[in-house]
Amino acid sequence: MAVQSRDNRPAAVGIAGCDWDDGNRIKCQKHGVKLAVIEGLFHGPLAVFRDLVHSVAEERFKAIGRSADGRGVLVVFTLRLRDDVVFVRPISARYMHAREVVYYEKAFTYVDKR
């Protein structure tokens, strides 16, 4: 997975898996997104942005991608390091509204053309 570093340069991050517990498992499923969909998102094309507004206690990111059935999914997550191994810790997840999908598709098309 590629994310922006603190100085806004792309950085590759090798992810070992997802870090789940009762708290984030329940919160992520609250909006109907299955854990397998969230985990699968990180194995496909993914747009990742730093979440500067919510990165007070820890650095947070927003990931936007598509589920296997083509639905737009938004996941807010942080990265956790355990024994020199990086894990994704999902904080929340939801399916995107149609307007959001259109907005981000236009934004990505603009970026691709630059």
N, C-alpha and C. Protein backbone atom coordinates (compact mmCIF):
# COMPACT_ATOMS: atom_id res chain seq x y z
N MET A 1 0.85 -1.17 0.00
CA MET A 1 0.00 0.00 0.00
C MET A 1 0.89 1.23 0.00
N ALA A 2 0.51 2.27 -0.71
CA ALA A 2 1.25 3.52 -0.75
C ALA A 2 0.48 4.59 0.00
N VAL A 3 1.17 5.32 0.84
CA VAL A 3 0.57 6.43 1.58
C VAL A 3 1.49 7.63 1.47
N GLN A 4 0.99 8.80 1.81
CA GLN A 4 1.82 9.98 1.84
C GLN A 4 2.59 10.02 3.14
N SER A 5 3.87 10.35 3.03
CA SER A 5 4.68 10.50 4.23
C SER A 5 4.39 11.86 4.86
N ARG A 6 4.98 12.13 6.00
CA ARG A 6 4.73 13.41 6.69
C ARG A 6 5.15 14.61 5.83
N ASP A 7 6.13 14.42 4.94
CA ASP A 7 6.54 15.53 4.07
C ASP A 7 5.85 15.45 2.71
N ASN A 8 4.70 14.75 2.66
CA ASN A 8 3.82 14.67 1.49
C ASN A 8 4.41 13.93 0.29
N ARG A 9 5.41 13.10 0.51
CA ARG A 9 5.93 12.26 -0.57
C ARG A 9 5.30 10.88 -0.45
N PRO A 10 5.05 10.22 -1.60
CA PRO A 10 4.50 8.86 -1.52
C PRO A 10 5.46 7.92 -0.80
N ALA A 11 4.91 7.03 -0.02
CA ALA A 11 5.72 6.05 0.71
C ALA A 11 5.04 4.69 0.61
N ALA A 12 5.80 3.66 0.31
CA ALA A 12 5.25 2.31 0.26
C ALA A 12 5.25 1.72 1.66
N VAL A 13 4.18 1.05 2.00
CA VAL A 13 4.06 0.44 3.32
C VAL A 13 3.66 -1.01 3.13
N GLY A 14 4.45 -1.93 3.67
CA GLY A 14 4.08 -3.33 3.64
C GLY A 14 3.18 -3.64 4.82
N ILE A 15 2.01 -4.17 4.55
CA ILE A 15 1.02 -4.41 5.59
C ILE A 15 0.93 -5.92 5.86
N ALA A 16 0.99 -6.29 7.14
CA ALA A 16 0.91 -7.70 7.51
C ALA A 16 -0.53 -8.18 7.63
N GLY A 17 -1.46 -7.27 7.86
CA GLY A 17 -2.86 -7.65 8.04
C GLY A 17 -3.61 -6.58 8.80
N CYS A 18 -4.80 -6.91 9.25
CA CYS A 18 -5.63 -5.96 10.00
C CYS A 18 -5.58 -6.27 11.48
N ASP A 19 -5.65 -5.24 12.29
CA ASP A 19 -5.64 -5.34 13.74
C ASP A 19 -7.07 -5.13 14.23
N TRP A 20 -7.72 -6.21 14.65
CA TRP A 20 -9.11 -6.17 15.08
C TRP A 20 -9.24 -6.42 16.58
N ASP A 21 -10.21 -5.76 17.20
CA ASP A 21 -10.67 -6.11 18.55
C ASP A 21 -12.17 -5.84 18.57
N ASP A 22 -12.81 -6.09 19.71
CA ASP A 22 -14.26 -5.92 19.78
C ASP A 22 -14.70 -4.50 19.45
N GLY A 23 -13.92 -3.51 19.86
CA GLY A 23 -14.30 -2.12 19.64
C GLY A 23 -14.36 -1.74 18.17
N ASN A 24 -13.27 -1.95 17.44
CA ASN A 24 -13.28 -1.52 16.04
C ASN A 24 -14.07 -2.48 15.15
N ARG A 25 -14.18 -3.73 15.55
CA ARG A 25 -14.97 -4.70 14.78
C ARG A 25 -16.45 -4.27 14.77
N ILE A 26 -16.97 -3.93 15.93
CA ILE A 26 -18.38 -3.51 16.05
C ILE A 26 -18.61 -2.19 15.32
N LYS A 27 -17.71 -1.23 15.51
CA LYS A 27 -17.88 0.08 14.89
C LYS A 27 -17.83 0.00 13.37
N CYS A 28 -16.94 -0.81 12.83
CA CYS A 28 -16.84 -0.94 11.38
C CYS A 28 -18.05 -1.64 10.78
N GLN A 29 -18.60 -2.61 11.49
CA GLN A 29 -19.76 -3.34 10.97
C GLN A 29 -21.07 -2.59 11.16
N LYS A 30 -21.05 -1.51 11.96
CA LYS A 30 -22.26 -0.74 12.24
C LYS A 30 -22.93 -0.23 10.97
N HIS A 31 -22.15 0.06 9.94
CA HIS A 31 -22.70 0.59 8.69
C HIS A 31 -22.87 -0.49 7.63
N GLY A 32 -22.82 -1.76 8.04
CA GLY A 32 -23.11 -2.85 7.11
C GLY A 32 -21.95 -3.34 6.28
N VAL A 33 -20.75 -2.89 6.57
CA VAL A 33 -19.58 -3.33 5.82
C VAL A 33 -18.96 -4.53 6.55
N LYS A 34 -18.87 -5.64 5.86
CA LYS A 34 -18.32 -6.85 6.47
C LYS A 34 -16.81 -6.74 6.61
N LEU A 35 -16.27 -7.41 7.61
CA LEU A 35 -14.83 -7.37 7.86
C LEU A 35 -14.05 -7.86 6.65
N ALA A 36 -14.55 -8.87 5.97
CA ALA A 36 -13.86 -9.40 4.79
C ALA A 36 -13.79 -8.35 3.68
N VAL A 37 -14.82 -7.52 3.56
CA VAL A 37 -14.81 -6.44 2.56
C VAL A 37 -13.74 -5.42 2.91
N ILE A 38 -13.65 -5.06 4.18
CA ILE A 38 -12.65 -4.08 4.63
C ILE A 38 -11.25 -4.63 4.38
N GLU A 39 -11.00 -5.86 4.77
CA GLU A 39 -9.68 -6.44 4.57
C GLU A 39 -9.36 -6.57 3.08
N GLY A 40 -10.34 -6.96 2.28
CA GLY A 40 -10.13 -7.10 0.84
C GLY A 40 -9.81 -5.79 0.16
N LEU A 41 -10.32 -4.71 0.70
CA LEU A 41 -10.07 -3.39 0.13
C LEU A 41 -8.57 -3.10 0.05
N PHE A 42 -7.82 -3.55 1.03
CA PHE A 42 -6.39 -3.26 1.09
C PHE A 42 -5.56 -4.16 0.18
N HIS A 43 -6.22 -5.03 -0.58
CA HIS A 43 -5.52 -5.90 -1.54
C HIS A 43 -5.74 -5.46 -2.97
N GLY A 44 -6.50 -4.39 -3.16
CA GLY A 44 -6.80 -3.91 -4.51
C GLY A 44 -6.39 -2.46 -4.66
N PRO A 45 -6.75 -1.85 -5.81
CA PRO A 45 -6.46 -0.43 -6.01
C PRO A 45 -7.13 0.40 -4.92
N LEU A 46 -6.38 1.34 -4.38
CA LEU A 46 -6.85 2.08 -3.22
C LEU A 46 -6.27 3.49 -3.25
N ALA A 47 -7.10 4.47 -3.01
CA ALA A 47 -6.63 5.85 -2.84
C ALA A 47 -6.56 6.11 -1.34
N VAL A 48 -5.40 6.56 -0.87
CA VAL A 48 -5.19 6.78 0.55
C VAL A 48 -4.80 8.23 0.78
N PHE A 49 -5.49 8.88 1.74
CA PHE A 49 -5.23 10.27 2.07
C PHE A 49 -4.97 10.39 3.57
N ARG A 50 -4.07 11.28 3.95
CA ARG A 50 -3.90 11.57 5.37
C ARG A 50 -5.12 12.32 5.86
N ASP A 51 -5.60 11.98 7.04
CA ASP A 51 -6.74 12.65 7.66
C ASP A 51 -6.19 13.64 8.68
N LEU A 52 -5.84 14.83 8.23
CA LEU A 52 -5.19 15.81 9.09
C LEU A 52 -6.10 16.30 10.21
N VAL A 53 -7.39 16.38 9.94
CA VAL A 53 -8.34 16.90 10.94
C VAL A 53 -8.41 15.97 12.16
N HIS A 54 -8.39 14.67 11.93
CA HIS A 54 -8.57 13.70 13.02
C HIS A 54 -7.26 13.04 13.47
N SER A 55 -6.13 13.58 13.06
CA SER A 55 -4.83 13.00 13.42
C SER A 55 -4.23 13.70 14.63
N VAL A 56 -5.00 13.80 15.69
CA VAL A 56 -4.51 14.48 16.89
C VAL A 56 -3.73 13.52 17.77
N ALA A 57 -4.35 12.46 18.22
CA ALA A 57 -3.69 11.49 19.11
C ALA A 57 -2.81 10.52 18.33
N GLU A 58 -3.19 10.23 17.08
CA GLU A 58 -2.43 9.32 16.24
C GLU A 58 -2.67 9.70 14.78
N GLU A 59 -1.75 9.34 13.90
CA GLU A 59 -1.91 9.65 12.49
C GLU A 59 -2.99 8.75 11.89
N ARG A 60 -3.97 9.38 11.27
CA ARG A 60 -5.08 8.64 10.66
C ARG A 60 -5.09 8.86 9.16
N PHE A 61 -5.69 7.89 8.48
CA PHE A 61 -5.79 7.93 7.03
C PHE A 61 -7.21 7.60 6.60
N LYS A 62 -7.57 8.05 5.40
CA LYS A 62 -8.83 7.66 4.76
C LYS A 62 -8.46 6.88 3.52
N ALA A 63 -9.09 5.74 3.34
CA ALA A 63 -8.87 4.91 2.16
C ALA A 63 -10.19 4.79 1.40
N ILE A 64 -10.10 4.95 0.10
CA ILE A 64 -11.27 4.84 -0.76
C ILE A 64 -10.98 3.80 -1.82
N GLY A 65 -11.87 2.84 -1.93
CA GLY A 65 -11.69 1.79 -2.92
C GLY A 65 -13.03 1.17 -3.26
N ARG A 66 -12.97 0.07 -3.98
CA ARG A 66 -14.19 -0.63 -4.38
C ARG A 66 -14.16 -2.05 -3.82
N SER A 67 -15.33 -2.49 -3.37
CA SER A 67 -15.47 -3.86 -2.89
C SER A 67 -15.46 -4.79 -4.11
N ALA A 68 -15.42 -6.08 -3.86
CA ALA A 68 -15.41 -7.06 -4.96
C ALA A 68 -16.65 -6.94 -5.83
N ASP A 69 -17.77 -6.49 -5.25
CA ASP A 69 -19.00 -6.33 -6.04
C ASP A 69 -19.13 -4.93 -6.64
N GLY A 70 -18.08 -4.10 -6.53
CA GLY A 70 -18.05 -2.80 -7.20
C GLY A 70 -18.55 -1.62 -6.41
N ARG A 71 -18.96 -1.82 -5.16
CA ARG A 71 -19.46 -0.71 -4.35
C ARG A 71 -18.30 0.12 -3.80
N GLY A 72 -18.48 1.45 -3.77
CA GLY A 72 -17.48 2.33 -3.20
C GLY A 72 -17.45 2.20 -1.69
N VAL A 73 -16.26 2.09 -1.11
CA VAL A 73 -16.11 1.92 0.33
C VAL A 73 -15.11 2.95 0.86
N LEU A 74 -15.43 3.56 1.98
CA LEU A 74 -14.54 4.49 2.67
C LEU A 74 -14.15 3.86 4.00
N VAL A 75 -12.85 3.78 4.26
CA VAL A 75 -12.36 3.24 5.53
C VAL A 75 -11.43 4.26 6.16
N VAL A 76 -11.66 4.58 7.42
CA VAL A 76 -10.74 5.40 8.20
C VAL A 76 -9.90 4.44 9.02
N PHE A 77 -8.59 4.64 9.00
CA PHE A 77 -7.72 3.69 9.70
C PHE A 77 -6.45 4.37 10.19
N THR A 78 -5.73 3.66 11.02
CA THR A 78 -4.40 4.07 11.44
C THR A 78 -3.48 2.87 11.23
N LEU A 79 -2.20 3.10 11.33
CA LEU A 79 -1.23 2.02 11.21
C LEU A 79 -0.66 1.72 12.58
N ARG A 80 -0.53 0.47 12.90
CA ARG A 80 0.03 0.04 14.19
C ARG A 80 1.27 -0.80 13.94
N LEU A 81 2.31 -0.54 14.69
CA LEU A 81 3.56 -1.28 14.58
C LEU A 81 3.69 -2.19 15.79
N ARG A 82 3.79 -3.49 15.54
CA ARG A 82 4.00 -4.47 16.61
C ARG A 82 5.16 -5.38 16.21
N ASP A 83 6.20 -5.38 17.01
CA ASP A 83 7.37 -6.21 16.74
C ASP A 83 7.90 -5.98 15.32
N ASP A 84 8.02 -4.71 14.93
CA ASP A 84 8.52 -4.30 13.61
C ASP A 84 7.64 -4.77 12.45
N VAL A 85 6.38 -5.07 12.73
CA VAL A 85 5.43 -5.48 11.70
C VAL A 85 4.30 -4.47 11.69
N VAL A 86 3.91 -4.00 10.49
CA VAL A 86 2.88 -2.98 10.35
C VAL A 86 1.52 -3.63 10.10
N PHE A 87 0.53 -3.19 10.88
CA PHE A 87 -0.85 -3.65 10.73
C PHE A 87 -1.74 -2.45 10.47
N VAL A 88 -2.79 -2.66 9.69
CA VAL A 88 -3.84 -1.66 9.49
C VAL A 88 -4.85 -1.85 10.62
N ARG A 89 -5.16 -0.76 11.30
CA ARG A 89 -6.21 -0.81 12.33
C ARG A 89 -7.39 0.02 11.84
N PRO A 90 -8.41 -0.64 11.26
CA PRO A 90 -9.59 0.11 10.82
C PRO A 90 -10.29 0.76 12.02
N ILE A 91 -10.71 2.00 11.83
CA ILE A 91 -11.41 2.73 12.88
C ILE A 91 -12.90 2.79 12.57
N SER A 92 -13.23 3.05 11.32
CA SER A 92 -14.62 3.03 10.87
C SER A 92 -14.66 2.74 9.38
N ALA A 93 -15.80 2.26 8.92
CA ALA A 93 -15.97 1.94 7.50
C ALA A 93 -17.43 2.09 7.13
N ARG A 94 -17.64 2.52 5.89
CA ARG A 94 -19.02 2.62 5.40
C ARG A 94 -18.98 2.58 3.88
N TYR A 95 -20.13 2.22 3.32
CA TYR A 95 -20.28 2.30 1.87
C TYR A 95 -20.50 3.76 1.51
N MET A 96 -19.94 4.17 0.39
CA MET A 96 -20.03 5.56 -0.04
C MET A 96 -21.37 5.83 -0.71
N HIS A 97 -21.85 7.05 -0.57
CA HIS A 97 -23.06 7.50 -1.25
C HIS A 97 -22.72 7.76 -2.72
N ALA A 98 -23.71 7.68 -3.59
CA ALA A 98 -23.50 7.84 -5.03
C ALA A 98 -22.82 9.17 -5.36
N ARG A 99 -23.21 10.25 -4.68
CA ARG A 99 -22.60 11.56 -4.93
C ARG A 99 -21.11 11.55 -4.60
N GLU A 100 -20.74 10.86 -3.51
CA GLU A 100 -19.33 10.78 -3.14
C GLU A 100 -18.53 10.02 -4.19
N VAL A 101 -19.09 8.93 -4.69
CA VAL A 101 -18.41 8.14 -5.71
C VAL A 101 -18.15 9.00 -6.94
N VAL A 102 -19.16 9.74 -7.39
CA VAL A 102 -19.00 10.62 -8.56
C VAL A 102 -17.93 11.68 -8.29
N TYR A 103 -17.97 12.29 -7.11
CA TYR A 103 -17.01 13.33 -6.75
C TYR A 103 -15.58 12.80 -6.80
N TYR A 104 -15.33 11.66 -6.15
CA TYR A 104 -13.98 11.13 -6.09
C TYR A 104 -13.52 10.60 -7.45
N GLU A 105 -14.43 10.04 -8.24
CA GLU A 105 -14.04 9.58 -9.57
C GLU A 105 -13.61 10.76 -10.43
N LYS A 106 -14.30 11.89 -10.32
CA LYS A 106 -13.89 13.09 -11.06
C LYS A 106 -12.54 13.60 -10.56
N ALA A 107 -12.36 13.60 -9.25
CA ALA A 107 -11.09 14.07 -8.68
C ALA A 107 -9.93 13.19 -9.12
N PHE A 108 -10.13 11.86 -9.14
CA PHE A 108 -9.05 10.95 -9.54
C PHE A 108 -8.76 11.10 -11.03
N THR A 109 -9.79 11.32 -11.83
CA THR A 109 -9.59 11.51 -13.27
C THR A 109 -8.75 12.76 -13.50
N TYR A 110 -9.03 13.83 -12.75
CA TYR A 110 -8.27 15.08 -12.87
C TYR A 110 -6.81 14.83 -12.51
N VAL A 111 -6.56 14.13 -11.42
CA VAL A 111 -5.20 13.86 -10.98
C VAL A 111 -4.47 13.00 -12.00
N ASP A 112 -5.13 11.99 -12.56
CA ASP A 112 -4.52 11.11 -13.55
C ASP A 112 -4.11 11.86 -14.80
N LYS A 113 -4.84 12.92 -15.17
CA LYS A 113 -4.56 13.65 -16.40
C LYS A 113 -3.43 14.67 -16.22
N ARG A 114 -3.04 14.97 -14.99
CA ARG A 114 -1.97 15.95 -14.78
C ARG A 114 -0.62 15.40 -15.13
